[in-house]
Amino acid sequence: MTGFDGPVPAVSVARPRAGAGIQSAVTRRWLLFALYVTLIVLGAGLGPLLPEIAWPYVYPEHDESPRWMVAGAIVAYAIVMAVPFVPAAEIGLTLLFLFGPQVALLVYLSTVLALMLPYLIGRAVPSDLCASALGSLGLRRASDLARRLAALDANARLDMLLAQGPARFIPVLLRHRYVALAVALNLPGNTLLGGGAGIALCAGICGLYSPSGFVVAVAIAVAPMPIAFALLV
């Protein structure tokens, strides 16, 4: 005898709903898309504003010499060029039209140096941080891949991606990644990919581009327009 003659109550165990997980993943993807659109809009808006903000700091008001004006414009352009999602190539083209072929070399060198900054920042970003960020956005497969790649060097990463990538598209891009980088930097509308600075940042994060190879690829990619101005204008 237990002293309790009534029926034993059934214990129900709450089970997570499958739909809740799907809904959460969809919400995260919409938030990611909203963030992407916001970055594009902010980049387009900041493009004209950043040179105006930087101008007073790089060009003294009391000095109206053309040399200071050119130097201030180049520095302001380099600052804008190093910001992801900002369409800075148009600013560089404007400088070439305004000041002529005598600034072609300065525009060229400032472009290469400006793109080196986000690349180096990307190389300094811990791989575990990238994996955690992808996981928090609901991109589980990308997060797992980033964690596996984090423990490998550049050659091992390349081999792993070549082995697991689709049969045609990805391996071709990986084997010719420096050519793909140069093409992406000159691609019309590459602001949708983060602009030159965003592409350079991703190149640094992925760890597949050596510093010397990146500099050579960028130097070749941004050379046509300054060379054309220097020779033809």
C-alpha atoms as a PDB file:
ATOM      1  CA  MET A   1       0.000   0.000   0.000  1.00  0.00           C
ATOM      2  CA  THR A   2       1.347   3.382  -0.924  1.00  0.00           C
ATOM      3  CA  GLY A   3      -1.391   5.482   0.567  1.00  0.00           C
ATOM      4  CA  PHE A   4      -2.382   6.778  -2.874  1.00  0.00           C
ATOM      5  CA  ASP A   5      -5.242   4.981  -4.592  1.00  0.00           C
ATOM      6  CA  GLY A   6      -5.855   7.473  -7.452  1.00  0.00           C
ATOM      7  CA  PRO A   7      -4.571   7.134 -10.995  1.00  0.00           C
ATOM      8  CA  VAL A   8      -0.959   7.989 -11.657  1.00  0.00           C
ATOM      9  CA  PRO A   9      -0.811  11.255 -13.625  1.00  0.00           C
ATOM     10  CA  ALA A  10       0.831  11.070 -17.014  1.00  0.00           C
ATOM     11  CA  VAL A  11       4.047  13.038 -17.392  1.00  0.00           C
ATOM     12  CA  SER A  12       4.269  14.910 -20.678  1.00  0.00           C
ATOM     13  CA  VAL A  13       7.640  15.921 -22.072  1.00  0.00           C
ATOM     14  CA  ALA A  14       7.648  19.048 -24.177  1.00  0.00           C
ATOM     15  CA  ARG A  15       9.259  18.466 -27.534  1.00  0.00           C
ATOM     16  CA  PRO A  16      10.738  21.255 -29.597  1.00  0.00           C
ATOM     17  CA  ARG A  17       8.690  22.044 -32.628  1.00  0.00           C
ATOM     18  CA  ALA A  18      10.423  21.453 -35.922  1.00  0.00           C
ATOM     19  CA  GLY A  19       8.749  24.515 -37.367  1.00  0.00           C
ATOM     20  CA  ALA A  20      10.279  26.772 -34.717  1.00  0.00           C
ATOM     21  CA  GLY A  21      13.816  25.931 -35.848  1.00  0.00           C
ATOM     22  CA  ILE A  22      12.929  26.537 -39.484  1.00  0.00           C
ATOM     23  CA  GLN A  23      11.261  29.829 -38.625  1.00  0.00           C
ATOM     24  CA  SER A  24      14.318  30.935 -36.638  1.00  0.00           C
ATOM     25  CA  ALA A  25      16.645  30.099 -39.544  1.00  0.00           C
ATOM     26  CA  VAL A  26      14.432  32.011 -41.989  1.00  0.00           C
ATOM     27  CA  THR A  27      14.353  35.011 -39.649  1.00  0.00           C
ATOM     28  CA  ARG A  28      18.135  35.034 -39.401  1.00  0.00           C
ATOM     29  CA  ARG A  29      18.496  34.920 -43.157  1.00  0.00           C
ATOM     30  CA  TRP A  30      16.111  37.849 -43.548  1.00  0.00           C
ATOM     31  CA  LEU A  31      18.116  39.766 -40.958  1.00  0.00           C
ATOM     32  CA  LEU A  32      21.305  38.951 -42.863  1.00  0.00           C
ATOM     33  CA  PHE A  33      19.709  40.170 -46.091  1.00  0.00           C
ATOM     34  CA  ALA A  34      18.540  43.355 -44.352  1.00  0.00           C
ATOM     35  CA  LEU A  35      22.072  43.938 -43.036  1.00  0.00           C
ATOM     36  CA  TYR A  36      23.486  43.419 -46.532  1.00  0.00           C
ATOM     37  CA  VAL A  37      21.064  45.928 -48.059  1.00  0.00           C
ATOM     38  CA  THR A  38      21.786  48.392 -45.254  1.00  0.00           C
ATOM     39  CA  LEU A  39      25.527  48.176 -45.897  1.00  0.00           C
ATOM     40  CA  ILE A  40      25.019  48.826 -49.599  1.00  0.00           C
ATOM     41  CA  VAL A  41      22.779  51.830 -48.925  1.00  0.00           C
ATOM     42  CA  LEU A  42      25.155  53.235 -46.299  1.00  0.00           C
ATOM     43  CA  GLY A  43      28.117  52.730 -48.608  1.00  0.00           C
ATOM     44  CA  ALA A  44      26.391  54.546 -51.435  1.00  0.00           C
ATOM     45  CA  GLY A  45      25.491  57.382 -49.086  1.00  0.00           C
ATOM     46  CA  LEU A  46      28.889  57.624 -47.432  1.00  0.00           C
ATOM     47  CA  GLY A  47      30.739  57.663 -50.756  1.00  0.00           C
ATOM     48  CA  PRO A  48      30.128  61.379 -51.422  1.00  0.00           C
ATOM     49  CA  LEU A  49      30.216  62.334 -47.715  1.00  0.00           C
ATOM     50  CA  LEU A  50      33.526  60.800 -46.623  1.00  0.00           C
ATOM     51  CA  PRO A  51      35.707  63.022 -48.852  1.00  0.00           C
ATOM     52  CA  GLU A  52      33.897  66.095 -47.499  1.00  0.00           C
ATOM     53  CA  ILE A  53      34.439  64.902 -43.920  1.00  0.00           C
ATOM     54  CA  ALA A  54      38.118  64.137 -44.486  1.00  0.00           C
ATOM     55  CA  TRP A  55      38.842  67.240 -46.554  1.00  0.00           C
ATOM     56  CA  PRO A  56      39.273  69.767 -43.663  1.00  0.00           C
ATOM     57  CA  TYR A  57      41.734  67.440 -41.929  1.00  0.00           C
ATOM     58  CA  VAL A  58      43.944  66.815 -44.933  1.00  0.00           C
ATOM     59  CA  TYR A  59      43.751  70.221 -46.634  1.00  0.00           C
ATOM     60  CA  PRO A  60      44.457  73.318 -44.494  1.00  0.00           C
ATOM     61  CA  GLU A  61      42.125  76.246 -45.200  1.00  0.00           C
ATOM     62  CA  HIS A  62      44.943  78.786 -45.024  1.00  0.00           C
ATOM     63  CA  ASP A  63      46.965  77.047 -47.732  1.00  0.00           C
ATOM     64  CA  GLU A  64      45.456  77.281 -51.192  1.00  0.00           C
ATOM     65  CA  SER A  65      48.422  75.905 -53.108  1.00  0.00           C
ATOM     66  CA  PRO A  66      47.628  73.315 -55.784  1.00  0.00           C
ATOM     67  CA  ARG A  67      50.107  70.926 -54.187  1.00  0.00           C
ATOM     68  CA  TRP A  68      48.157  70.838 -50.926  1.00  0.00           C
ATOM     69  CA  MET A  69      44.897  70.520 -52.830  1.00  0.00           C
ATOM     70  CA  VAL A  70      46.131  67.487 -54.753  1.00  0.00           C
ATOM     71  CA  ALA A  71      47.620  65.894 -51.629  1.00  0.00           C
ATOM     72  CA  GLY A  72      44.388  66.422 -49.688  1.00  0.00           C
ATOM     73  CA  ALA A  73      42.295  64.935 -52.468  1.00  0.00           C
ATOM     74  CA  ILE A  74      44.551  61.870 -52.725  1.00  0.00           C
ATOM     75  CA  VAL A  75      44.482  61.238 -48.972  1.00  0.00           C
ATOM     76  CA  ALA A  76      40.697  61.641 -48.848  1.00  0.00           C
ATOM     77  CA  TYR A  77      40.379  59.226 -51.779  1.00  0.00           C
ATOM     78  CA  ALA A  78      42.604  56.643 -50.070  1.00  0.00           C
ATOM     79  CA  ILE A  79      40.481  56.845 -46.899  1.00  0.00           C
ATOM     80  CA  VAL A  80      37.284  56.259 -48.864  1.00  0.00           C
ATOM     81  CA  MET A  81      38.888  53.472 -50.889  1.00  0.00           C
ATOM     82  CA  ALA A  82      39.674  51.503 -47.710  1.00  0.00           C
ATOM     83  CA  VAL A  83      36.017  51.413 -46.570  1.00  0.00           C
ATOM     84  CA  PRO A  84      33.941  48.374 -47.671  1.00  0.00           C
ATOM     85  CA  PHE A  85      30.750  48.898 -49.689  1.00  0.00           C
ATOM     86  CA  VAL A  86      31.755  52.449 -50.635  1.00  0.00           C
ATOM     87  CA  PRO A  87      31.947  53.017 -54.430  1.00  0.00           C
ATOM     88  CA  ALA A  88      35.336  54.738 -54.384  1.00  0.00           C
ATOM     89  CA  ALA A  89      36.473  53.912 -57.920  1.00  0.00           C
ATOM     90  CA  GLU A  90      34.322  56.733 -59.260  1.00  0.00           C
ATOM     91  CA  ILE A  91      36.140  59.162 -56.959  1.00  0.00           C
ATOM     92  CA  GLY A  92      39.503  58.028 -58.296  1.00  0.00           C
ATOM     93  CA  LEU A  93      38.249  58.494 -61.839  1.00  0.00           C
ATOM     94  CA  THR A  94      37.046  61.986 -60.934  1.00  0.00           C
ATOM     95  CA  LEU A  95      40.494  62.855 -59.570  1.00  0.00           C
ATOM     96  CA  LEU A  96      42.060  61.773 -62.847  1.00  0.00           C
ATOM     97  CA  PHE A  97      39.671  63.970 -64.797  1.00  0.00           C
ATOM     98  CA  LEU A  98      40.142  66.948 -62.469  1.00  0.00           C
ATOM     99  CA  PHE A  99      43.922  66.954 -62.071  1.00  0.00           C
ATOM    100  CA  GLY A 100      44.984  65.190 -65.235  1.00  0.00           C
ATOM    101  CA  PRO A 101      47.738  62.662 -65.942  1.00  0.00           C
ATOM    102  CA  GLN A 102      50.157  64.240 -63.451  1.00  0.00           C
ATOM    103  CA  VAL A 103      48.252  62.578 -60.577  1.00  0.00           C
ATOM    104  CA  ALA A 104      47.876  59.199 -62.311  1.00  0.00           C
ATOM    105  CA  LEU A 105      50.781  57.645 -60.422  1.00  0.00           C
ATOM    106  CA  LEU A 106      49.548  59.037 -57.086  1.00  0.00           C
ATOM    107  CA  VAL A 107      46.031  57.708 -57.673  1.00  0.00           C
ATOM    108  CA  TYR A 108      47.464  54.344 -58.670  1.00  0.00           C
ATOM    109  CA  LEU A 109      49.733  53.990 -55.623  1.00  0.00           C
ATOM    110  CA  SER A 110      47.083  55.244 -53.207  1.00  0.00           C
ATOM    111  CA  THR A 111      44.618  52.694 -54.587  1.00  0.00           C
ATOM    112  CA  VAL A 112      47.027  49.807 -54.071  1.00  0.00           C
ATOM    113  CA  LEU A 113      47.953  50.944 -50.550  1.00  0.00           C
ATOM    114  CA  ALA A 114      44.326  51.604 -49.604  1.00  0.00           C
ATOM    115  CA  LEU A 115      43.294  48.082 -50.620  1.00  0.00           C
ATOM    116  CA  MET A 116      46.170  46.608 -48.617  1.00  0.00           C
ATOM    117  CA  LEU A 117      44.648  47.934 -45.381  1.00  0.00           C
ATOM    118  CA  PRO A 118      41.398  45.886 -45.422  1.00  0.00           C
ATOM    119  CA  TYR A 119      43.363  42.887 -46.683  1.00  0.00           C
ATOM    120  CA  LEU A 120      45.708  43.044 -43.692  1.00  0.00           C
ATOM    121  CA  ILE A 121      42.768  43.563 -41.342  1.00  0.00           C
ATOM    122  CA  GLY A 122      41.151  40.461 -42.815  1.00  0.00           C
ATOM    123  CA  ARG A 123      44.296  38.419 -42.226  1.00  0.00           C
ATOM    124  CA  ALA A 124      44.277  39.520 -38.588  1.00  0.00           C
ATOM    125  CA  VAL A 125      40.678  38.391 -37.990  1.00  0.00           C
ATOM    126  CA  PRO A 126      40.675  35.077 -36.047  1.00  0.00           C
ATOM    127  CA  SER A 127      39.134  32.202 -37.982  1.00  0.00           C
ATOM    128  CA  ASP A 128      37.168  31.108 -34.920  1.00  0.00           C
ATOM    129  CA  LEU A 129      35.536  34.534 -34.804  1.00  0.00           C
ATOM    130  CA  CYS A 130      34.424  34.177 -38.422  1.00  0.00           C
ATOM    131  CA  ALA A 131      33.023  30.703 -37.713  1.00  0.00           C
ATOM    132  CA  SER A 132      31.111  32.001 -34.686  1.00  0.00           C
ATOM    133  CA  ALA A 133      29.709  34.911 -36.683  1.00  0.00           C
ATOM    134  CA  LEU A 134      28.508  32.579 -39.431  1.00  0.00           C
ATOM    135  CA  GLY A 135      26.948  30.286 -36.841  1.00  0.00           C
ATOM    136  CA  SER A 136      25.110  33.155 -35.158  1.00  0.00           C
ATOM    137  CA  LEU A 137      23.586  34.033 -38.545  1.00  0.00           C
ATOM    138  CA  GLY A 138      22.273  30.506 -38.925  1.00  0.00           C
ATOM    139  CA  LEU A 139      24.791  29.549 -41.616  1.00  0.00           C
ATOM    140  CA  ARG A 140      25.702  26.246 -39.979  1.00  0.00           C
ATOM    141  CA  ARG A 141      27.380  24.599 -42.954  1.00  0.00           C
ATOM    142  CA  ALA A 142      29.529  27.666 -43.609  1.00  0.00           C
ATOM    143  CA  SER A 143      30.355  27.872 -39.896  1.00  0.00           C
ATOM    144  CA  ASP A 144      31.407  24.205 -39.760  1.00  0.00           C
ATOM    145  CA  LEU A 145      33.541  24.663 -42.874  1.00  0.00           C
ATOM    146  CA  ALA A 146      35.215  27.739 -41.386  1.00  0.00           C
ATOM    147  CA  ARG A 147      36.062  25.824 -38.200  1.00  0.00           C
ATOM    148  CA  ARG A 148      37.621  22.994 -40.175  1.00  0.00           C
ATOM    149  CA  LEU A 149      39.617  25.411 -42.305  1.00  0.00           C
ATOM    150  CA  ALA A 150      40.825  27.349 -39.246  1.00  0.00           C
ATOM    151  CA  ALA A 151      43.283  24.629 -38.267  1.00  0.00           C
ATOM    152  CA  LEU A 152      44.842  24.368 -41.738  1.00  0.00           C
ATOM    153  CA  ASP A 153      47.486  26.370 -43.526  1.00  0.00           C
ATOM    154  CA  ALA A 154      46.872  28.028 -46.895  1.00  0.00           C
ATOM    155  CA  ASN A 155      47.889  25.010 -49.001  1.00  0.00           C
ATOM    156  CA  ALA A 156      45.812  22.581 -46.943  1.00  0.00           C
ATOM    157  CA  ARG A 157      42.835  24.936 -47.111  1.00  0.00           C
ATOM    158  CA  LEU A 158      43.121  25.091 -50.874  1.00  0.00           C
ATOM    159  CA  ASP A 159      43.349  21.303 -51.173  1.00  0.00           C
ATOM    160  CA  MET A 160      40.307  20.842 -48.939  1.00  0.00           C
ATOM    161  CA  LEU A 161      38.212  23.352 -50.870  1.00  0.00           C
ATOM    162  CA  LEU A 162      39.247  21.824 -54.189  1.00  0.00           C
ATOM    163  CA  ALA A 163      38.233  18.378 -52.938  1.00  0.00           C
ATOM    164  CA  GLN A 164      34.851  19.475 -51.596  1.00  0.00           C
ATOM    165  CA  GLY A 165      33.877  22.144 -54.132  1.00  0.00           C
ATOM    166  CA  PRO A 166      31.514  21.564 -57.075  1.00  0.00           C
ATOM    167  CA  ALA A 167      33.101  19.786 -60.015  1.00  0.00           C
ATOM    168  CA  ARG A 168      33.494  22.763 -62.368  1.00  0.00           C
ATOM    169  CA  PHE A 169      32.827  26.215 -61.022  1.00  0.00           C
ATOM    170  CA  ILE A 170      34.603  26.477 -57.660  1.00  0.00           C
ATOM    171  CA  PRO A 171      37.825  24.582 -58.540  1.00  0.00           C
ATOM    172  CA  VAL A 172      38.412  26.836 -61.567  1.00  0.00           C
ATOM    173  CA  LEU A 173      38.038  29.963 -59.433  1.00  0.00           C
ATOM    174  CA  LEU A 174      40.287  28.553 -56.716  1.00  0.00           C
ATOM    175  CA  ARG A 175      43.057  27.536 -59.093  1.00  0.00           C
ATOM    176  CA  HIS A 176      42.933  30.945 -60.770  1.00  0.00           C
ATOM    177  CA  ARG A 177      42.039  32.884 -57.630  1.00  0.00           C
ATOM    178  CA  TYR A 178      44.430  35.759 -58.315  1.00  0.00           C
ATOM    179  CA  VAL A 179      42.932  36.263 -61.776  1.00  0.00           C
ATOM    180  CA  ALA A 180      39.459  36.048 -60.232  1.00  0.00           C
ATOM    181  CA  LEU A 181      40.490  38.681 -57.675  1.00  0.00           C
ATOM    182  CA  ALA A 182      41.679  41.053 -60.396  1.00  0.00           C
ATOM    183  CA  VAL A 183      38.475  40.521 -62.379  1.00  0.00           C
ATOM    184  CA  ALA A 184      36.293  41.095 -59.297  1.00  0.00           C
ATOM    185  CA  LEU A 185      38.062  44.380 -58.539  1.00  0.00           C
ATOM    186  CA  ASN A 186      37.246  45.624 -62.053  1.00  0.00           C
ATOM    187  CA  LEU A 187      33.762  44.158 -62.209  1.00  0.00           C
ATOM    188  CA  PRO A 188      31.056  46.804 -62.816  1.00  0.00           C
ATOM    189  CA  GLY A 189      28.775  46.983 -59.811  1.00  0.00           C
ATOM    190  CA  ASN A 190      31.209  45.198 -57.518  1.00  0.00           C
ATOM    191  CA  THR A 191      29.803  47.345 -54.712  1.00  0.00           C
ATOM    192  CA  LEU A 192      27.289  44.501 -54.368  1.00  0.00           C
ATOM    193  CA  LEU A 193      30.276  42.319 -53.422  1.00  0.00           C
ATOM    194  CA  GLY A 194      31.526  44.853 -50.892  1.00  0.00           C
ATOM    195  CA  GLY A 195      33.434  47.065 -53.284  1.00  0.00           C
ATOM    196  CA  GLY A 196      37.205  46.934 -53.631  1.00  0.00           C
ATOM    197  CA  ALA A 197      37.725  47.150 -49.872  1.00  0.00           C
ATOM    198  CA  GLY A 198      35.149  44.446 -49.150  1.00  0.00           C
ATOM    199  CA  ILE A 199      36.720  42.115 -51.700  1.00  0.00           C
ATOM    200  CA  ALA A 200      40.167  42.790 -50.210  1.00  0.00           C
ATOM    201  CA  LEU A 201      38.819  42.132 -46.698  1.00  0.00           C
ATOM    202  CA  CYS A 202      37.390  38.766 -47.778  1.00  0.00           C
ATOM    203  CA  ALA A 203      40.668  37.904 -49.515  1.00  0.00           C
ATOM    204  CA  GLY A 204      42.486  38.461 -46.247  1.00  0.00           C
ATOM    205  CA  ILE A 205      39.957  36.525 -44.155  1.00  0.00           C
ATOM    206  CA  CYS A 206      39.956  33.416 -46.363  1.00  0.00           C
ATOM    207  CA  GLY A 207      43.727  33.003 -46.038  1.00  0.00           C
ATOM    208  CA  LEU A 208      44.196  31.804 -49.611  1.00  0.00           C
ATOM    209  CA  TYR A 209      46.067  34.883 -50.849  1.00  0.00           C
ATOM    210  CA  SER A 210      49.680  35.535 -49.924  1.00  0.00           C
ATOM    211  CA  PRO A 211      50.588  39.193 -49.259  1.00  0.00           C
ATOM    212  CA  SER A 212      52.953  39.344 -52.223  1.00  0.00           C
ATOM    213  CA  GLY A 213      50.473  37.668 -54.554  1.00  0.00           C
ATOM    214  CA  PHE A 214      47.701  39.973 -53.390  1.00  0.00           C
ATOM    215  CA  VAL A 215      49.827  43.085 -54.030  1.00  0.00           C
ATOM    216  CA  VAL A 216      50.743  41.890 -57.530  1.00  0.00           C
ATOM    217  CA  ALA A 217      47.118  41.050 -58.382  1.00  0.00           C
ATOM    218  CA  VAL A 218      45.853  44.407 -57.128  1.00  0.00           C
ATOM    219  CA  ALA A 219      48.681  46.307 -58.825  1.00  0.00           C
ATOM    220  CA  ILE A 220      47.768  44.715 -62.154  1.00  0.00           C
ATOM    221  CA  ALA A 221      44.014  45.070 -61.628  1.00  0.00           C
ATOM    222  CA  VAL A 222      44.019  48.815 -60.920  1.00  0.00           C
ATOM    223  CA  ALA A 223      46.703  49.746 -63.465  1.00  0.00           C
ATOM    224  CA  PRO A 224      44.724  50.134 -66.744  1.00  0.00           C
ATOM    225  CA  MET A 225      42.907  53.382 -65.970  1.00  0.00           C
ATOM    226  CA  PRO A 226      45.893  55.355 -64.554  1.00  0.00           C
ATOM    227  CA  ILE A 227      48.078  54.109 -67.405  1.00  0.00           C
ATOM    228  CA  ALA A 228      45.465  55.168 -69.948  1.00  0.00           C
ATOM    229  CA  PHE A 229      45.303  58.655 -68.459  1.00  0.00           C
ATOM    230  CA  ALA A 230      49.074  58.948 -68.242  1.00  0.00           C
ATOM    231  CA  LEU A 231      49.553  57.948 -71.881  1.00  0.00           C
ATOM    232  CA  LEU A 232      46.489  59.227 -73.687  1.00  0.00           C
ATOM    233  CA  VAL A 233      45.276  62.340 -71.900  1.00  0.00           C
END
